[in-house]
Amino acid sequence: MAFPPRMSRLRRALLSAVVTLSIAGPVSGAARPAAVQAPVPPALAPLRTFTPAALAERYAATRDAIQAAGRTAAAHADRWRAAMLRTMADRTRRFLFFDGRDGGRAVEVFGDLAQAERIAVLVPGSDTNLDEYGLLRGGAMRLQQALGDRSAVIGWLGYETPSTVSAEVLTTGRADRAAPALSAFVRELAVAEPAARLSLVCHSYGTVVCGRAASGLDVADVVLVGSAGIGVDDVGALHTRATVWAGRSAGDWIGDVPHTRLRLPFITVGLGADPVSPSFGARVFVAGDGGHSDYLRPGAALSNIARIVSGQAPCEEDPRA
């Protein structure tokens, strides 16, 4: 079967990327923190209400789990991880969930969840784990500050992210496994805080996770930034009542990734349509000129994401222009 010249080039580029990443993936994977020892965290009952007392009890239980992981790290002479976990266990920090195994899972709250009228769940992309947690934390803090009073941002590192330099980042496999946990978490939020306006803010491979979880979720907005595709052809395939937004900064290398899918034996590679393309059907917003990791740094993208989460229309032009 012959393909049009442009499609043929895209497929060749994608196949070349698959081969390269399949070779590089095992090498980069060896350096990932999956082998760090950590105990099994205790089971936690779903939070049915976000009263100050209920939240304080959950934060205390999760702090105990972080401290236990810190003791395990110290016992295995992993001083760097032990020191990092001592910082995470500080009483000023508020975690709804923590698991130190397999690169780490953490769900951290920024802002007062008990009083929040607007809640954004921030879903990160590839290479996000406990050893690279600062980027997620910094972005969540800046978004909460931009949202202001009576808002909360939840950094949801609730899945094992793929490595950027791996074949897995070109498939929906990790997202398929992560989506049920994200769906359950958002539904728990909706039950505990039914009057709050909920939004998903999804970055890079996190957009694939959000795309897999979106169907049926009671959220106002799904915001996709820095996305190479989410595994579907258009917004209609998400089966969501939420408004779907998409933004890509001018300096983001992800725009050069081929937007196609290639069916190989036993696997489909590629994430499909470009979310900022007109045919996809998302509402595209101005995202400035930053790089792939800059969407939640001060600038047009952060300002517009905060406006969307607040229920306001984004600015049509970069405010710095």
C-alpha atoms as a PDB file:
ATOM      1  CA  MET A   1       0.000   0.000   0.000  1.00  0.00           C
ATOM      2  CA  ALA A   2       1.428   3.379  -1.023  1.00  0.00           C
ATOM      3  CA  PHE A   3       1.083   6.450   1.170  1.00  0.00           C
ATOM      4  CA  PRO A   4       1.027  10.111   0.085  1.00  0.00           C
ATOM      5  CA  PRO A   5       4.542  11.640   0.217  1.00  0.00           C
ATOM      6  CA  ARG A   6       3.844  13.729   3.342  1.00  0.00           C
ATOM      7  CA  MET A   7       2.282  10.801   5.229  1.00  0.00           C
ATOM      8  CA  SER A   8       5.138   8.568   4.156  1.00  0.00           C
ATOM      9  CA  ARG A   9       7.654  11.057   5.593  1.00  0.00           C
ATOM     10  CA  LEU A  10       5.734  11.250   8.864  1.00  0.00           C
ATOM     11  CA  ARG A  11       5.606   7.494   9.175  1.00  0.00           C
ATOM     12  CA  ARG A  12       9.305   7.143   8.423  1.00  0.00           C
ATOM     13  CA  ALA A  13      10.123   9.818  11.016  1.00  0.00           C
ATOM     14  CA  LEU A  14       7.928   8.150  13.606  1.00  0.00           C
ATOM     15  CA  LEU A  15       9.355   4.710  12.922  1.00  0.00           C
ATOM     16  CA  SER A  16      12.870   6.148  13.209  1.00  0.00           C
ATOM     17  CA  ALA A  17      11.927   7.678  16.570  1.00  0.00           C
ATOM     18  CA  VAL A  18      10.557   4.338  17.769  1.00  0.00           C
ATOM     19  CA  VAL A  19      13.758   2.522  16.897  1.00  0.00           C
ATOM     20  CA  THR A  20      15.925   5.202  18.507  1.00  0.00           C
ATOM     21  CA  LEU A  21      13.866   5.360  21.689  1.00  0.00           C
ATOM     22  CA  SER A  22      13.655   1.576  21.969  1.00  0.00           C
ATOM     23  CA  ILE A  23      17.442   1.480  22.071  1.00  0.00           C
ATOM     24  CA  ALA A  24      17.877   4.490  24.344  1.00  0.00           C
ATOM     25  CA  GLY A  25      15.028   3.590  26.704  1.00  0.00           C
ATOM     26  CA  PRO A  26      16.679   0.714  28.590  1.00  0.00           C
ATOM     27  CA  VAL A  27      19.814   2.818  29.117  1.00  0.00           C
ATOM     28  CA  SER A  28      17.932   5.805  30.497  1.00  0.00           C
ATOM     29  CA  GLY A  29      15.651   3.556  32.494  1.00  0.00           C
ATOM     30  CA  ALA A  30      18.597   2.237  34.463  1.00  0.00           C
ATOM     31  CA  ALA A  31      19.028   5.669  36.010  1.00  0.00           C
ATOM     32  CA  ARG A  32      15.397   6.067  37.006  1.00  0.00           C
ATOM     33  CA  PRO A  33      14.546   5.867  40.725  1.00  0.00           C
ATOM     34  CA  ALA A  34      12.304   2.796  40.454  1.00  0.00           C
ATOM     35  CA  ALA A  35      14.806   0.701  42.405  1.00  0.00           C
ATOM     36  CA  VAL A  36      14.718   2.960  45.495  1.00  0.00           C
ATOM     37  CA  GLN A  37      13.464   0.962  48.469  1.00  0.00           C
ATOM     38  CA  ALA A  38      10.220   2.124  50.100  1.00  0.00           C
ATOM     39  CA  PRO A  39       7.543   0.461  52.237  1.00  0.00           C
ATOM     40  CA  VAL A  40       4.002  -0.297  51.126  1.00  0.00           C
ATOM     41  CA  PRO A  41       1.877   2.690  52.239  1.00  0.00           C
ATOM     42  CA  PRO A  42      -1.180   2.019  54.418  1.00  0.00           C
ATOM     43  CA  ALA A  43      -4.584   1.836  52.745  1.00  0.00           C
ATOM     44  CA  LEU A  44      -6.567   5.073  53.020  1.00  0.00           C
ATOM     45  CA  ALA A  45     -10.342   5.332  53.027  1.00  0.00           C
ATOM     46  CA  PRO A  46     -11.874   7.735  50.476  1.00  0.00           C
ATOM     47  CA  LEU A  47     -12.367  11.276  51.717  1.00  0.00           C
ATOM     48  CA  ARG A  48     -16.109  11.999  51.712  1.00  0.00           C
ATOM     49  CA  THR A  49     -15.797  15.533  53.010  1.00  0.00           C
ATOM     50  CA  PHE A  50     -13.163  18.246  53.037  1.00  0.00           C
ATOM     51  CA  THR A  51     -13.760  19.589  56.508  1.00  0.00           C
ATOM     52  CA  PRO A  52     -10.616  20.912  58.225  1.00  0.00           C
ATOM     53  CA  ALA A  53     -10.708  17.972  60.651  1.00  0.00           C
ATOM     54  CA  ALA A  54     -10.996  15.334  57.912  1.00  0.00           C
ATOM     55  CA  LEU A  55      -8.217  16.907  55.885  1.00  0.00           C
ATOM     56  CA  ALA A  56      -5.932  17.244  58.918  1.00  0.00           C
ATOM     57  CA  GLU A  57      -6.385  13.540  59.633  1.00  0.00           C
ATOM     58  CA  ARG A  58      -5.512  12.611  56.040  1.00  0.00           C
ATOM     59  CA  TYR A  59      -2.495  14.920  55.947  1.00  0.00           C
ATOM     60  CA  ALA A  60      -1.210  13.377  59.193  1.00  0.00           C
ATOM     61  CA  ALA A  61      -1.640   9.811  57.918  1.00  0.00           C
ATOM     62  CA  THR A  62       0.178  10.623  54.687  1.00  0.00           C
ATOM     63  CA  ARG A  63       2.948  12.395  56.606  1.00  0.00           C
ATOM     64  CA  ASP A  64       3.460   9.163  58.559  1.00  0.00           C
ATOM     65  CA  ALA A  65       3.825   7.284  55.251  1.00  0.00           C
ATOM     66  CA  ILE A  66       6.422   9.776  54.012  1.00  0.00           C
ATOM     67  CA  GLN A  67       8.380   9.487  57.263  1.00  0.00           C
ATOM     68  CA  ALA A  68       8.311   5.693  57.015  1.00  0.00           C
ATOM     69  CA  ALA A  69       9.701   5.908  53.487  1.00  0.00           C
ATOM     70  CA  GLY A  70      12.387   8.267  54.774  1.00  0.00           C
ATOM     71  CA  ARG A  71      13.432   5.782  57.442  1.00  0.00           C
ATOM     72  CA  THR A  72      13.657   3.044  54.825  1.00  0.00           C
ATOM     73  CA  ALA A  73      15.796   5.248  52.587  1.00  0.00           C
ATOM     74  CA  ALA A  74      18.114   6.038  55.494  1.00  0.00           C
ATOM     75  CA  ALA A  75      18.386   2.345  56.370  1.00  0.00           C
ATOM     76  CA  HIS A  76      19.531   1.671  52.790  1.00  0.00           C
ATOM     77  CA  ALA A  77      22.084   4.511  53.003  1.00  0.00           C
ATOM     78  CA  ASP A  78      20.198   6.587  50.437  1.00  0.00           C
ATOM     79  CA  ARG A  79      20.961   9.890  52.111  1.00  0.00           C
ATOM     80  CA  TRP A  80      19.740  12.061  49.254  1.00  0.00           C
ATOM     81  CA  ARG A  81      16.292  10.438  49.181  1.00  0.00           C
ATOM     82  CA  ALA A  82      16.081  10.436  52.986  1.00  0.00           C
ATOM     83  CA  ALA A  83      16.812  14.176  53.109  1.00  0.00           C
ATOM     84  CA  MET A  84      14.262  14.892  50.381  1.00  0.00           C
ATOM     85  CA  LEU A  85      11.597  12.916  52.247  1.00  0.00           C
ATOM     86  CA  ARG A  86      12.308  14.811  55.465  1.00  0.00           C
ATOM     87  CA  THR A  87      11.527  17.985  53.532  1.00  0.00           C
ATOM     88  CA  MET A  88       8.323  16.495  52.133  1.00  0.00           C
ATOM     89  CA  ALA A  89       7.246  15.459  55.642  1.00  0.00           C
ATOM     90  CA  ASP A  90       7.367  19.051  56.892  1.00  0.00           C
ATOM     91  CA  ARG A  91       4.152  19.897  58.760  1.00  0.00           C
ATOM     92  CA  THR A  92       3.445  22.856  56.508  1.00  0.00           C
ATOM     93  CA  ARG A  93       3.007  20.547  53.519  1.00  0.00           C
ATOM     94  CA  ARG A  94      -0.235  18.730  52.773  1.00  0.00           C
ATOM     95  CA  PHE A  95      -0.364  15.423  50.952  1.00  0.00           C
ATOM     96  CA  LEU A  96      -3.488  13.419  50.219  1.00  0.00           C
ATOM     97  CA  PHE A  97      -1.486  10.393  49.096  1.00  0.00           C
ATOM     98  CA  PHE A  98       2.091   9.139  49.013  1.00  0.00           C
ATOM     99  CA  ASP A  99       3.833   5.997  47.796  1.00  0.00           C
ATOM    100  CA  GLY A 100       7.609   5.942  47.550  1.00  0.00           C
ATOM    101  CA  ARG A 101       7.859   2.843  45.355  1.00  0.00           C
ATOM    102  CA  ASP A 102       8.564   2.612  41.606  1.00  0.00           C
ATOM    103  CA  GLY A 103       9.680   6.199  41.128  1.00  0.00           C
ATOM    104  CA  GLY A 104       7.124   7.498  43.596  1.00  0.00           C
ATOM    105  CA  ARG A 105       3.538   8.722  43.683  1.00  0.00           C
ATOM    106  CA  ALA A 106       2.457  11.872  45.484  1.00  0.00           C
ATOM    107  CA  VAL A 107      -0.716  13.957  45.564  1.00  0.00           C
ATOM    108  CA  GLU A 108      -0.010  17.338  47.149  1.00  0.00           C
ATOM    109  CA  VAL A 109      -2.413  20.177  47.927  1.00  0.00           C
ATOM    110  CA  PHE A 110      -1.534  23.853  47.445  1.00  0.00           C
ATOM    111  CA  GLY A 111      -4.041  26.263  48.953  1.00  0.00           C
ATOM    112  CA  ASP A 112      -6.899  25.666  51.371  1.00  0.00           C
ATOM    113  CA  LEU A 113      -8.875  22.745  50.016  1.00  0.00           C
ATOM    114  CA  ALA A 114     -11.583  23.121  52.670  1.00  0.00           C
ATOM    115  CA  GLN A 115     -12.413  26.645  51.449  1.00  0.00           C
ATOM    116  CA  ALA A 116     -11.699  26.236  47.751  1.00  0.00           C
ATOM    117  CA  GLU A 117     -14.267  27.375  45.198  1.00  0.00           C
ATOM    118  CA  ARG A 118     -11.939  26.557  42.294  1.00  0.00           C
ATOM    119  CA  ILE A 119      -9.815  23.387  42.218  1.00  0.00           C
ATOM    120  CA  ALA A 120      -7.301  22.560  39.497  1.00  0.00           C
ATOM    121  CA  VAL A 121      -5.836  19.065  39.287  1.00  0.00           C
ATOM    122  CA  LEU A 122      -2.411  19.312  37.675  1.00  0.00           C
ATOM    123  CA  VAL A 123      -1.386  16.134  35.816  1.00  0.00           C
ATOM    124  CA  PRO A 124       2.328  16.054  34.880  1.00  0.00           C
ATOM    125  CA  GLY A 125       4.064  14.355  31.992  1.00  0.00           C
ATOM    126  CA  SER A 126       7.051  12.143  31.339  1.00  0.00           C
ATOM    127  CA  ASP A 127      10.072  11.913  33.638  1.00  0.00           C
ATOM    128  CA  THR A 128       8.128  13.282  36.620  1.00  0.00           C
ATOM    129  CA  ASN A 129       8.931  11.320  39.772  1.00  0.00           C
ATOM    130  CA  LEU A 130      10.088  12.007  43.314  1.00  0.00           C
ATOM    131  CA  ASP A 131      13.601  12.801  42.140  1.00  0.00           C
ATOM    132  CA  GLU A 132      12.251  15.381  39.674  1.00  0.00           C
ATOM    133  CA  TYR A 133       9.352  16.560  41.823  1.00  0.00           C
ATOM    134  CA  GLY A 134      10.416  20.198  42.064  1.00  0.00           C
ATOM    135  CA  LEU A 135       9.088  21.131  38.623  1.00  0.00           C
ATOM    136  CA  LEU A 136       5.598  19.857  39.437  1.00  0.00           C
ATOM    137  CA  ARG A 137       5.622  21.507  42.858  1.00  0.00           C
ATOM    138  CA  GLY A 138       6.846  24.845  41.522  1.00  0.00           C
ATOM    139  CA  GLY A 139       4.245  24.914  38.766  1.00  0.00           C
ATOM    140  CA  ALA A 140       1.433  24.021  41.163  1.00  0.00           C
ATOM    141  CA  MET A 141       2.471  26.761  43.575  1.00  0.00           C
ATOM    142  CA  ARG A 142       2.613  29.399  40.826  1.00  0.00           C
ATOM    143  CA  LEU A 143      -0.792  28.374  39.460  1.00  0.00           C
ATOM    144  CA  GLN A 144      -2.369  28.552  42.919  1.00  0.00           C
ATOM    145  CA  GLN A 145      -0.859  31.994  43.474  1.00  0.00           C
ATOM    146  CA  ALA A 146      -2.245  33.139  40.110  1.00  0.00           C
ATOM    147  CA  LEU A 147      -5.695  31.815  41.037  1.00  0.00           C
ATOM    148  CA  GLY A 148      -5.698  33.662  44.354  1.00  0.00           C
ATOM    149  CA  ASP A 149      -7.919  33.221  47.393  1.00  0.00           C
ATOM    150  CA  ARG A 150     -10.476  30.422  47.708  1.00  0.00           C
ATOM    151  CA  SER A 151      -8.608  28.262  45.228  1.00  0.00           C
ATOM    152  CA  ALA A 152      -6.570  25.078  45.457  1.00  0.00           C
ATOM    153  CA  VAL A 153      -4.238  23.301  43.085  1.00  0.00           C
ATOM    154  CA  ILE A 154      -3.541  19.607  43.490  1.00  0.00           C
ATOM    155  CA  GLY A 155      -0.336  18.223  42.014  1.00  0.00           C
ATOM    156  CA  TRP A 156      -1.414  14.720  40.977  1.00  0.00           C
ATOM    157  CA  LEU A 157       1.629  12.505  40.504  1.00  0.00           C
ATOM    158  CA  GLY A 158      -0.588   9.442  40.719  1.00  0.00           C
ATOM    159  CA  TYR A 159       1.027   7.233  38.085  1.00  0.00           C
ATOM    160  CA  GLU A 160       4.353   5.877  36.898  1.00  0.00           C
ATOM    161  CA  THR A 161       5.318   8.299  34.151  1.00  0.00           C
ATOM    162  CA  PRO A 162       7.243   7.129  31.088  1.00  0.00           C
ATOM    163  CA  SER A 163      10.739   8.307  30.313  1.00  0.00           C
ATOM    164  CA  THR A 164      10.962  10.943  27.602  1.00  0.00           C
ATOM    165  CA  VAL A 165      13.658   8.817  25.992  1.00  0.00           C
ATOM    166  CA  SER A 166      11.640   5.611  25.646  1.00  0.00           C
ATOM    167  CA  ALA A 167       9.249   3.956  23.231  1.00  0.00           C
ATOM    168  CA  GLU A 168       6.526   4.037  25.912  1.00  0.00           C
ATOM    169  CA  VAL A 169       6.148   7.793  25.606  1.00  0.00           C
ATOM    170  CA  LEU A 170       4.866   7.229  22.060  1.00  0.00           C
ATOM    171  CA  THR A 171       2.050   4.906  23.147  1.00  0.00           C
ATOM    172  CA  THR A 172      -1.010   5.209  25.371  1.00  0.00           C
ATOM    173  CA  GLY A 173      -0.023   2.239  27.556  1.00  0.00           C
ATOM    174  CA  ARG A 174       1.032   4.129  30.685  1.00  0.00           C
ATOM    175  CA  ALA A 175      -1.943   6.475  30.302  1.00  0.00           C
ATOM    176  CA  ASP A 176      -4.379   3.566  29.990  1.00  0.00           C
ATOM    177  CA  ARG A 177      -3.100   2.199  33.288  1.00  0.00           C
ATOM    178  CA  ALA A 178      -3.152   5.628  34.990  1.00  0.00           C
ATOM    179  CA  ALA A 179      -6.589   6.806  33.862  1.00  0.00           C
ATOM    180  CA  PRO A 180      -8.706   4.769  36.322  1.00  0.00           C
ATOM    181  CA  ALA A 181      -6.812   6.230  39.289  1.00  0.00           C
ATOM    182  CA  LEU A 182      -7.217   9.781  37.975  1.00  0.00           C
ATOM    183  CA  SER A 183     -10.919   9.207  37.305  1.00  0.00           C
ATOM    184  CA  ALA A 184     -11.467   7.850  40.808  1.00  0.00           C
ATOM    185  CA  PHE A 185      -9.593  10.758  42.368  1.00  0.00           C
ATOM    186  CA  VAL A 186     -11.577  13.420  40.482  1.00  0.00           C
ATOM    187  CA  ARG A 187     -14.843  11.711  41.385  1.00  0.00           C
ATOM    188  CA  GLU A 188     -13.748  11.729  45.039  1.00  0.00           C
ATOM    189  CA  LEU A 189     -13.134  15.477  44.754  1.00  0.00           C
ATOM    190  CA  ALA A 190     -16.568  16.018  43.223  1.00  0.00           C
ATOM    191  CA  VAL A 191     -18.255  14.144  46.077  1.00  0.00           C
ATOM    192  CA  ALA A 192     -16.297  15.884  48.816  1.00  0.00           C
ATOM    193  CA  GLU A 193     -16.539  19.398  47.333  1.00  0.00           C
ATOM    194  CA  PRO A 194     -19.646  19.419  45.102  1.00  0.00           C
ATOM    195  CA  ALA A 195     -19.892  23.222  44.857  1.00  0.00           C
ATOM    196  CA  ALA A 196     -16.303  23.728  43.685  1.00  0.00           C
ATOM    197  CA  ARG A 197     -15.411  24.325  40.046  1.00  0.00           C
ATOM    198  CA  LEU A 198     -13.088  21.476  39.006  1.00  0.00           C
ATOM    199  CA  SER A 199     -10.588  21.611  36.149  1.00  0.00           C
ATOM    200  CA  LEU A 200      -7.901  19.282  34.819  1.00  0.00           C
ATOM    201  CA  VAL A 201      -4.658  20.962  33.760  1.00  0.00           C
ATOM    202  CA  CYS A 202      -2.601  18.429  31.837  1.00  0.00           C
ATOM    203  CA  HIS A 203       0.959  18.756  30.552  1.00  0.00           C
ATOM    204  CA  SER A 204       2.826  16.757  27.908  1.00  0.00           C
ATOM    205  CA  TYR A 205       2.236  13.004  28.406  1.00  0.00           C
ATOM    206  CA  GLY A 206      -0.174  13.978  31.181  1.00  0.00           C
ATOM    207  CA  THR A 207      -2.535  15.100  28.404  1.00  0.00           C
ATOM    208  CA  VAL A 208      -2.758  11.485  27.281  1.00  0.00           C
ATOM    209  CA  VAL A 209      -3.711  10.455  30.822  1.00  0.00           C
ATOM    210  CA  CYS A 210      -6.388  13.163  30.943  1.00  0.00           C
ATOM    211  CA  GLY A 211      -7.700  12.130  27.558  1.00  0.00           C
ATOM    212  CA  ARG A 212      -8.081   8.546  28.722  1.00  0.00           C
ATOM    213  CA  ALA A 213      -9.821   9.649  31.940  1.00  0.00           C
ATOM    214  CA  ALA A 214     -12.039  12.435  30.592  1.00  0.00           C
ATOM    215  CA  SER A 215     -15.139  10.460  29.684  1.00  0.00           C
ATOM    216  CA  GLY A 216     -17.892  10.981  32.235  1.00  0.00           C
ATOM    217  CA  LEU A 217     -15.897  13.157  34.607  1.00  0.00           C
ATOM    218  CA  ASP A 218     -17.772  16.074  36.156  1.00  0.00           C
ATOM    219  CA  VAL A 219     -15.194  18.771  35.427  1.00  0.00           C
ATOM    220  CA  ALA A 220     -15.669  22.201  33.887  1.00  0.00           C
ATOM    221  CA  ASP A 221     -12.487  22.269  31.805  1.00  0.00           C
ATOM    222  CA  VAL A 222      -9.784  20.004  30.461  1.00  0.00           C
ATOM    223  CA  VAL A 223      -6.704  22.090  29.651  1.00  0.00           C
ATOM    224  CA  LEU A 224      -4.082  20.459  27.406  1.00  0.00           C
ATOM    225  CA  VAL A 225      -0.645  22.104  27.185  1.00  0.00           C
ATOM    226  CA  GLY A 226       2.515  20.931  25.459  1.00  0.00           C
ATOM    227  CA  SER A 227       0.699  17.943  23.998  1.00  0.00           C
ATOM    228  CA  ALA A 228       1.985  15.700  21.224  1.00  0.00           C
ATOM    229  CA  GLY A 229      -1.508  14.186  20.943  1.00  0.00           C
ATOM    230  CA  ILE A 230      -3.815  12.356  23.297  1.00  0.00           C
ATOM    231  CA  GLY A 231      -4.615   9.207  21.353  1.00  0.00           C
ATOM    232  CA  VAL A 232      -7.876  10.360  19.756  1.00  0.00           C
ATOM    233  CA  ASP A 233      -8.717  12.162  16.521  1.00  0.00           C
ATOM    234  CA  ASP A 234     -10.896  14.941  17.906  1.00  0.00           C
ATOM    235  CA  VAL A 235     -12.666  16.343  20.951  1.00  0.00           C
ATOM    236  CA  GLY A 236     -15.817  14.362  20.234  1.00  0.00           C
ATOM    237  CA  ALA A 237     -13.953  11.123  20.864  1.00  0.00           C
ATOM    238  CA  LEU A 238     -13.356  12.180  24.478  1.00  0.00           C
ATOM    239  CA  HIS A 239     -17.073  11.910  25.322  1.00  0.00           C
ATOM    240  CA  THR A 240     -16.850  14.722  27.830  1.00  0.00           C
ATOM    241  CA  ARG A 241     -19.146  17.630  28.665  1.00  0.00           C
ATOM    242  CA  ALA A 242     -16.125  19.670  29.753  1.00  0.00           C
ATOM    243  CA  THR A 243     -14.759  22.479  27.635  1.00  0.00           C
ATOM    244  CA  VAL A 244     -11.490  21.216  26.133  1.00  0.00           C
ATOM    245  CA  TRP A 245      -8.727  23.805  25.746  1.00  0.00           C
ATOM    246  CA  ALA A 246      -5.348  23.418  24.056  1.00  0.00           C
ATOM    247  CA  GLY A 247      -2.256  25.612  24.093  1.00  0.00           C
ATOM    248  CA  ARG A 248       1.265  25.295  22.757  1.00  0.00           C
ATOM    249  CA  SER A 249       4.022  27.844  23.197  1.00  0.00           C
ATOM    250  CA  ALA A 250       6.088  28.994  20.248  1.00  0.00           C
ATOM    251  CA  GLY A 251       9.287  27.655  21.811  1.00  0.00           C
ATOM    252  CA  ASP A 252       7.987  24.149  22.584  1.00  0.00           C
ATOM    253  CA  TRP A 253       9.833  21.410  20.682  1.00  0.00           C
ATOM    254  CA  ILE A 254       6.773  19.149  20.992  1.00  0.00           C
ATOM    255  CA  GLY A 255       5.311  20.940  17.977  1.00  0.00           C
ATOM    256  CA  ASP A 256       7.864  19.132  15.792  1.00  0.00           C
ATOM    257  CA  VAL A 257       6.667  15.663  16.817  1.00  0.00           C
ATOM    258  CA  PRO A 258       4.805  13.881  13.964  1.00  0.00           C
ATOM    259  CA  HIS A 259       1.074  13.845  14.690  1.00  0.00           C
ATOM    260  CA  THR A 260       0.126  10.429  13.414  1.00  0.00           C
ATOM    261  CA  ARG A 261      -0.385   6.869  14.574  1.00  0.00           C
ATOM    262  CA  LEU A 262       1.397   3.859  13.186  1.00  0.00           C
ATOM    263  CA  ARG A 263      -0.022   0.375  13.721  1.00  0.00           C
ATOM    264  CA  LEU A 264       2.808  -2.103  14.126  1.00  0.00           C
ATOM    265  CA  PRO A 265       2.507  -5.775  15.058  1.00  0.00           C
ATOM    266  CA  PHE A 266       1.325  -5.948  18.688  1.00  0.00           C
ATOM    267  CA  ILE A 267       1.429  -2.183  19.273  1.00  0.00           C
ATOM    268  CA  THR A 268       0.173   1.166  17.966  1.00  0.00           C
ATOM    269  CA  VAL A 269       2.782   3.913  18.108  1.00  0.00           C
ATOM    270  CA  GLY A 270       2.080   7.643  17.996  1.00  0.00           C
ATOM    271  CA  LEU A 271      -0.506   9.786  19.745  1.00  0.00           C
ATOM    272  CA  GLY A 272      -2.574  10.952  16.820  1.00  0.00           C
ATOM    273  CA  ALA A 273      -4.064  14.330  16.000  1.00  0.00           C
ATOM    274  CA  ASP A 274      -2.536  17.615  17.092  1.00  0.00           C
ATOM    275  CA  PRO A 275      -4.727  19.116  19.870  1.00  0.00           C
ATOM    276  CA  VAL A 276      -4.071  22.689  18.668  1.00  0.00           C
ATOM    277  CA  SER A 277      -5.101  21.928  15.082  1.00  0.00           C
ATOM    278  CA  PRO A 278      -8.489  23.315  13.980  1.00  0.00           C
ATOM    279  CA  SER A 279      -9.719  19.844  13.014  1.00  0.00           C
ATOM    280  CA  PHE A 280      -9.241  18.572  16.571  1.00  0.00           C
ATOM    281  CA  GLY A 281     -11.915  20.930  17.871  1.00  0.00           C
ATOM    282  CA  ALA A 282     -10.389  22.207  21.111  1.00  0.00           C
ATOM    283  CA  ARG A 283     -10.505  25.872  22.058  1.00  0.00           C
ATOM    284  CA  VAL A 284      -6.972  27.081  21.407  1.00  0.00           C
ATOM    285  CA  PHE A 285      -5.527  29.753  23.702  1.00  0.00           C
ATOM    286  CA  VAL A 286      -2.422  31.915  23.568  1.00  0.00           C
ATOM    287  CA  ALA A 287       0.460  30.217  25.391  1.00  0.00           C
ATOM    288  CA  GLY A 288       3.370  32.580  24.835  1.00  0.00           C
ATOM    289  CA  ASP A 289       6.806  31.700  23.542  1.00  0.00           C
ATOM    290  CA  GLY A 290       8.331  29.617  26.369  1.00  0.00           C
ATOM    291  CA  GLY A 291       9.767  26.128  26.215  1.00  0.00           C
ATOM    292  CA  HIS A 292       8.194  22.760  26.882  1.00  0.00           C
ATOM    293  CA  SER A 293       8.517  23.048  30.665  1.00  0.00           C
ATOM    294  CA  ASP A 294       7.570  26.728  30.943  1.00  0.00           C
ATOM    295  CA  TYR A 295       3.761  26.735  30.807  1.00  0.00           C
ATOM    296  CA  LEU A 296       3.403  27.372  34.530  1.00  0.00           C
ATOM    297  CA  ARG A 297       6.144  29.965  34.726  1.00  0.00           C
ATOM    298  CA  PRO A 298       5.124  33.649  34.738  1.00  0.00           C
ATOM    299  CA  GLY A 299       3.816  34.599  31.315  1.00  0.00           C
ATOM    300  CA  ALA A 300       0.904  34.334  28.920  1.00  0.00           C
ATOM    301  CA  ALA A 301       0.337  30.607  29.373  1.00  0.00           C
ATOM    302  CA  LEU A 302       0.106  30.737  33.170  1.00  0.00           C
ATOM    303  CA  SER A 303      -2.142  33.805  33.018  1.00  0.00           C
ATOM    304  CA  ASN A 304      -4.529  32.176  30.562  1.00  0.00           C
ATOM    305  CA  ILE A 305      -4.609  28.834  32.364  1.00  0.00           C
ATOM    306  CA  ALA A 306      -5.523  30.654  35.580  1.00  0.00           C
ATOM    307  CA  ARG A 307      -8.280  32.533  33.740  1.00  0.00           C
ATOM    308  CA  ILE A 308      -9.696  29.300  32.315  1.00  0.00           C
ATOM    309  CA  VAL A 309      -9.668  27.549  35.698  1.00  0.00           C
ATOM    310  CA  SER A 310     -11.437  30.599  37.160  1.00  0.00           C
ATOM    311  CA  GLY A 311     -14.174  30.390  34.540  1.00  0.00           C
ATOM    312  CA  GLN A 312     -12.989  33.431  32.562  1.00  0.00           C
ATOM    313  CA  ALA A 313     -12.171  33.674  28.873  1.00  0.00           C
ATOM    314  CA  PRO A 314      -8.429  33.622  28.141  1.00  0.00           C
ATOM    315  CA  CYS A 315      -6.752  36.676  26.661  1.00  0.00           C
ATOM    316  CA  GLU A 316      -6.597  36.564  22.873  1.00  0.00           C
ATOM    317  CA  GLU A 317      -3.162  38.187  22.777  1.00  0.00           C
ATOM    318  CA  ASP A 318       0.006  37.775  24.804  1.00  0.00           C
ATOM    319  CA  PRO A 319      -0.287  40.497  27.478  1.00  0.00           C
ATOM    320  CA  ARG A 320       3.461  41.185  27.126  1.00  0.00           C
ATOM    321  CA  ALA A 321       3.210  41.894  23.384  1.00  0.00           C
END
